[in-house]
Amino acid sequence: MPSNLKLLGVKLDQEEWRPVFDALDVDDKVGNFTSLAVELLDETLPEITVRTDSSDKPWMTPHIKKEIKAR
């Protein structure tokens, strides 16, 4: 996960932000920024589903569950 955050930082730094800066209307600026940010987030930090159960012990983390399932 930390490497994904570093990758996100690199992509944010390298992104062409002209559509955001050049937009004259604030709504266009927000829309352009949001679409760029969501695209980069989807590429680098994809959404995952974590299932929990009320009977899970506090130490039963998603990582531990993943390792048990992989076993």
N, C-alpha and C. Protein backbone atom coordinates (compact mmCIF):
# COMPACT_ATOMS: atom_id res chain seq x y z
N MET A 1 0.81 -1.20 0.00
CA MET A 1 0.00 0.00 0.00
C MET A 1 0.85 1.27 0.00
N PRO A 2 1.94 1.36 0.81
CA PRO A 2 2.76 2.58 0.75
C PRO A 2 3.33 2.84 -0.64
N SER A 3 3.66 1.78 -1.39
CA SER A 3 4.18 1.99 -2.74
C SER A 3 3.10 2.56 -3.64
N ASN A 4 1.84 2.19 -3.40
CA ASN A 4 0.73 2.75 -4.18
C ASN A 4 0.56 4.24 -3.89
N LEU A 5 0.77 4.62 -2.63
CA LEU A 5 0.67 6.04 -2.28
C LEU A 5 1.79 6.83 -2.95
N LYS A 6 2.99 6.25 -2.99
CA LYS A 6 4.09 6.92 -3.68
C LYS A 6 3.79 7.05 -5.17
N LEU A 7 3.24 5.99 -5.76
CA LEU A 7 2.87 6.04 -7.17
C LEU A 7 1.82 7.11 -7.42
N LEU A 8 0.85 7.22 -6.53
CA LEU A 8 -0.16 8.27 -6.66
C LEU A 8 0.49 9.64 -6.63
N GLY A 9 1.44 9.85 -5.72
CA GLY A 9 2.15 11.12 -5.64
C GLY A 9 2.89 11.43 -6.93
N VAL A 10 3.54 10.42 -7.50
CA VAL A 10 4.26 10.61 -8.76
C VAL A 10 3.29 10.98 -9.88
N LYS A 11 2.18 10.26 -9.96
CA LYS A 11 1.20 10.53 -11.01
C LYS A 11 0.57 11.91 -10.85
N LEU A 12 0.30 12.32 -9.60
CA LEU A 12 -0.25 13.65 -9.37
C LEU A 12 0.75 14.73 -9.80
N ASP A 13 2.02 14.47 -9.53
CA ASP A 13 3.06 15.43 -9.90
C ASP A 13 3.24 15.53 -11.41
N GLN A 14 3.07 14.42 -12.11
CA GLN A 14 3.29 14.38 -13.56
C GLN A 14 2.04 14.73 -14.37
N GLU A 15 0.91 14.81 -13.71
CA GLU A 15 -0.36 15.05 -14.42
C GLU A 15 -0.37 16.44 -15.06
N GLU A 16 -0.98 16.53 -16.21
CA GLU A 16 -1.17 17.80 -16.91
C GLU A 16 -2.42 18.46 -16.32
N TRP A 17 -2.24 19.52 -15.57
CA TRP A 17 -3.34 20.17 -14.87
C TRP A 17 -3.93 21.35 -15.66
N ARG A 18 -3.53 21.52 -16.92
CA ARG A 18 -4.02 22.62 -17.74
C ARG A 18 -5.55 22.71 -17.77
N PRO A 19 -6.27 21.58 -17.94
CA PRO A 19 -7.74 21.71 -17.99
C PRO A 19 -8.32 22.34 -16.72
N VAL A 20 -7.67 22.12 -15.59
CA VAL A 20 -8.15 22.72 -14.35
C VAL A 20 -7.81 24.21 -14.32
N PHE A 21 -6.56 24.55 -14.62
CA PHE A 21 -6.12 25.94 -14.55
C PHE A 21 -6.77 26.81 -15.63
N ASP A 22 -7.01 26.24 -16.79
CA ASP A 22 -7.53 27.02 -17.91
C ASP A 22 -9.04 27.23 -17.87
N ALA A 23 -9.75 26.43 -17.10
CA ALA A 23 -11.20 26.58 -17.03
C ALA A 23 -11.55 27.92 -16.40
N LEU A 24 -12.48 28.63 -16.99
CA LEU A 24 -12.86 29.94 -16.49
C LEU A 24 -13.94 29.86 -15.42
N ASP A 25 -14.81 28.91 -15.54
CA ASP A 25 -15.92 28.75 -14.61
C ASP A 25 -15.50 27.84 -13.45
N VAL A 26 -15.85 28.22 -12.23
CA VAL A 26 -15.45 27.44 -11.06
C VAL A 26 -16.02 26.02 -11.11
N ASP A 27 -17.24 25.86 -11.63
CA ASP A 27 -17.83 24.53 -11.74
C ASP A 27 -17.04 23.66 -12.71
N ASP A 28 -16.56 24.26 -13.79
CA ASP A 28 -15.72 23.52 -14.74
C ASP A 28 -14.40 23.13 -14.10
N LYS A 29 -13.83 24.05 -13.31
CA LYS A 29 -12.57 23.74 -12.62
C LYS A 29 -12.75 22.55 -11.68
N VAL A 30 -13.81 22.59 -10.90
CA VAL A 30 -14.08 21.51 -9.94
C VAL A 30 -14.34 20.20 -10.68
N GLY A 31 -15.12 20.25 -11.75
CA GLY A 31 -15.40 19.05 -12.53
C GLY A 31 -14.15 18.46 -13.15
N ASN A 32 -13.29 19.31 -13.72
CA ASN A 32 -12.05 18.83 -14.32
C ASN A 32 -11.12 18.24 -13.27
N PHE A 33 -11.00 18.92 -12.13
CA PHE A 33 -10.15 18.42 -11.05
C PHE A 33 -10.67 17.07 -10.55
N THR A 34 -11.97 16.99 -10.32
CA THR A 34 -12.56 15.76 -9.79
C THR A 34 -12.35 14.59 -10.74
N SER A 35 -12.57 14.81 -12.02
CA SER A 35 -12.41 13.70 -12.96
C SER A 35 -10.96 13.25 -13.05
N LEU A 36 -10.01 14.19 -13.03
CA LEU A 36 -8.59 13.81 -13.03
C LEU A 36 -8.22 13.06 -11.76
N ALA A 37 -8.66 13.58 -10.62
CA ALA A 37 -8.31 12.96 -9.33
C ALA A 37 -8.91 11.56 -9.22
N VAL A 38 -10.16 11.40 -9.61
CA VAL A 38 -10.80 10.08 -9.52
C VAL A 38 -10.11 9.09 -10.45
N GLU A 39 -9.75 9.52 -11.64
CA GLU A 39 -9.05 8.65 -12.57
C GLU A 39 -7.72 8.16 -11.98
N LEU A 40 -6.95 9.08 -11.41
CA LEU A 40 -5.66 8.71 -10.82
C LEU A 40 -5.84 7.82 -9.60
N LEU A 41 -6.84 8.12 -8.78
CA LEU A 41 -7.10 7.28 -7.60
C LEU A 41 -7.51 5.88 -8.01
N ASP A 42 -8.36 5.77 -9.03
CA ASP A 42 -8.79 4.45 -9.50
C ASP A 42 -7.62 3.63 -10.04
N GLU A 43 -6.67 4.30 -10.69
CA GLU A 43 -5.50 3.62 -11.24
C GLU A 43 -4.56 3.12 -10.14
N THR A 44 -4.36 3.93 -9.11
CA THR A 44 -3.33 3.63 -8.13
C THR A 44 -3.85 3.01 -6.83
N LEU A 45 -5.05 3.37 -6.43
CA LEU A 45 -5.62 2.87 -5.18
C LEU A 45 -7.02 2.32 -5.45
N PRO A 46 -7.11 1.17 -6.12
CA PRO A 46 -8.43 0.65 -6.46
C PRO A 46 -9.25 0.31 -5.22
N GLU A 47 -10.53 0.44 -5.36
CA GLU A 47 -11.45 0.15 -4.27
C GLU A 47 -11.46 -1.35 -4.00
N ILE A 48 -11.44 -1.72 -2.72
CA ILE A 48 -11.51 -3.12 -2.34
C ILE A 48 -12.68 -3.31 -1.39
N THR A 49 -13.20 -4.51 -1.35
CA THR A 49 -14.29 -4.85 -0.45
C THR A 49 -13.73 -5.66 0.71
N VAL A 50 -14.05 -5.23 1.91
CA VAL A 50 -13.62 -5.94 3.11
C VAL A 50 -14.86 -6.39 3.85
N ARG A 51 -14.94 -7.68 4.08
CA ARG A 51 -16.09 -8.22 4.79
C ARG A 51 -15.70 -8.48 6.24
N THR A 52 -16.53 -8.02 7.13
CA THR A 52 -16.29 -8.28 8.55
C THR A 52 -17.50 -9.00 9.11
N ASP A 53 -17.28 -9.64 10.21
CA ASP A 53 -18.36 -10.36 10.88
C ASP A 53 -18.36 -9.92 12.33
N SER A 54 -19.52 -9.82 12.92
CA SER A 54 -19.60 -9.36 14.31
C SER A 54 -18.91 -10.32 15.27
N SER A 55 -18.71 -11.57 14.83
CA SER A 55 -18.04 -12.54 15.71
C SER A 55 -16.53 -12.53 15.54
N ASP A 56 -15.99 -11.71 14.61
CA ASP A 56 -14.55 -11.63 14.43
C ASP A 56 -13.88 -11.06 15.68
N LYS A 57 -12.76 -11.64 16.02
CA LYS A 57 -11.96 -11.12 17.13
C LYS A 57 -11.31 -9.81 16.68
N PRO A 58 -10.98 -8.93 17.62
CA PRO A 58 -10.38 -7.63 17.25
C PRO A 58 -9.08 -7.76 16.46
N TRP A 59 -8.35 -8.84 16.66
CA TRP A 59 -7.07 -9.02 15.97
C TRP A 59 -7.24 -9.62 14.58
N MET A 60 -8.45 -9.99 14.20
CA MET A 60 -8.69 -10.61 12.89
C MET A 60 -8.81 -9.50 11.85
N THR A 61 -7.69 -9.15 11.25
CA THR A 61 -7.64 -8.06 10.28
C THR A 61 -7.94 -8.59 8.87
N PRO A 62 -8.26 -7.69 7.95
CA PRO A 62 -8.47 -8.12 6.56
C PRO A 62 -7.24 -8.83 5.99
N HIS A 63 -6.04 -8.38 6.40
CA HIS A 63 -4.82 -9.03 5.91
C HIS A 63 -4.74 -10.48 6.41
N ILE A 64 -5.04 -10.69 7.66
CA ILE A 64 -5.02 -12.06 8.21
C ILE A 64 -6.05 -12.92 7.50
N LYS A 65 -7.23 -12.38 7.28
CA LYS A 65 -8.28 -13.14 6.57
C LYS A 65 -7.82 -13.51 5.16
N LYS A 66 -7.15 -12.58 4.50
CA LYS A 66 -6.65 -12.84 3.15
C LYS A 66 -5.62 -13.97 3.17
N GLU A 67 -4.73 -13.93 4.15
CA GLU A 67 -3.70 -14.97 4.27
C GLU A 67 -4.32 -16.34 4.56
N ILE A 68 -5.33 -16.37 5.41
CA ILE A 68 -6.02 -17.63 5.71
C ILE A 68 -6.70 -18.17 4.46
N LYS A 69 -7.34 -17.30 3.72
CA LYS A 69 -8.03 -17.72 2.49
C LYS A 69 -7.03 -18.24 1.45
N ALA A 70 -5.87 -17.59 1.37
CA ALA A 70 -4.84 -18.01 0.40
C ALA A 70 -4.23 -19.36 0.78
N ARG A 71 -4.23 -19.68 2.03
CA ARG A 71 -3.65 -20.93 2.51
C ARG A 71 -4.47 -22.07 1.99
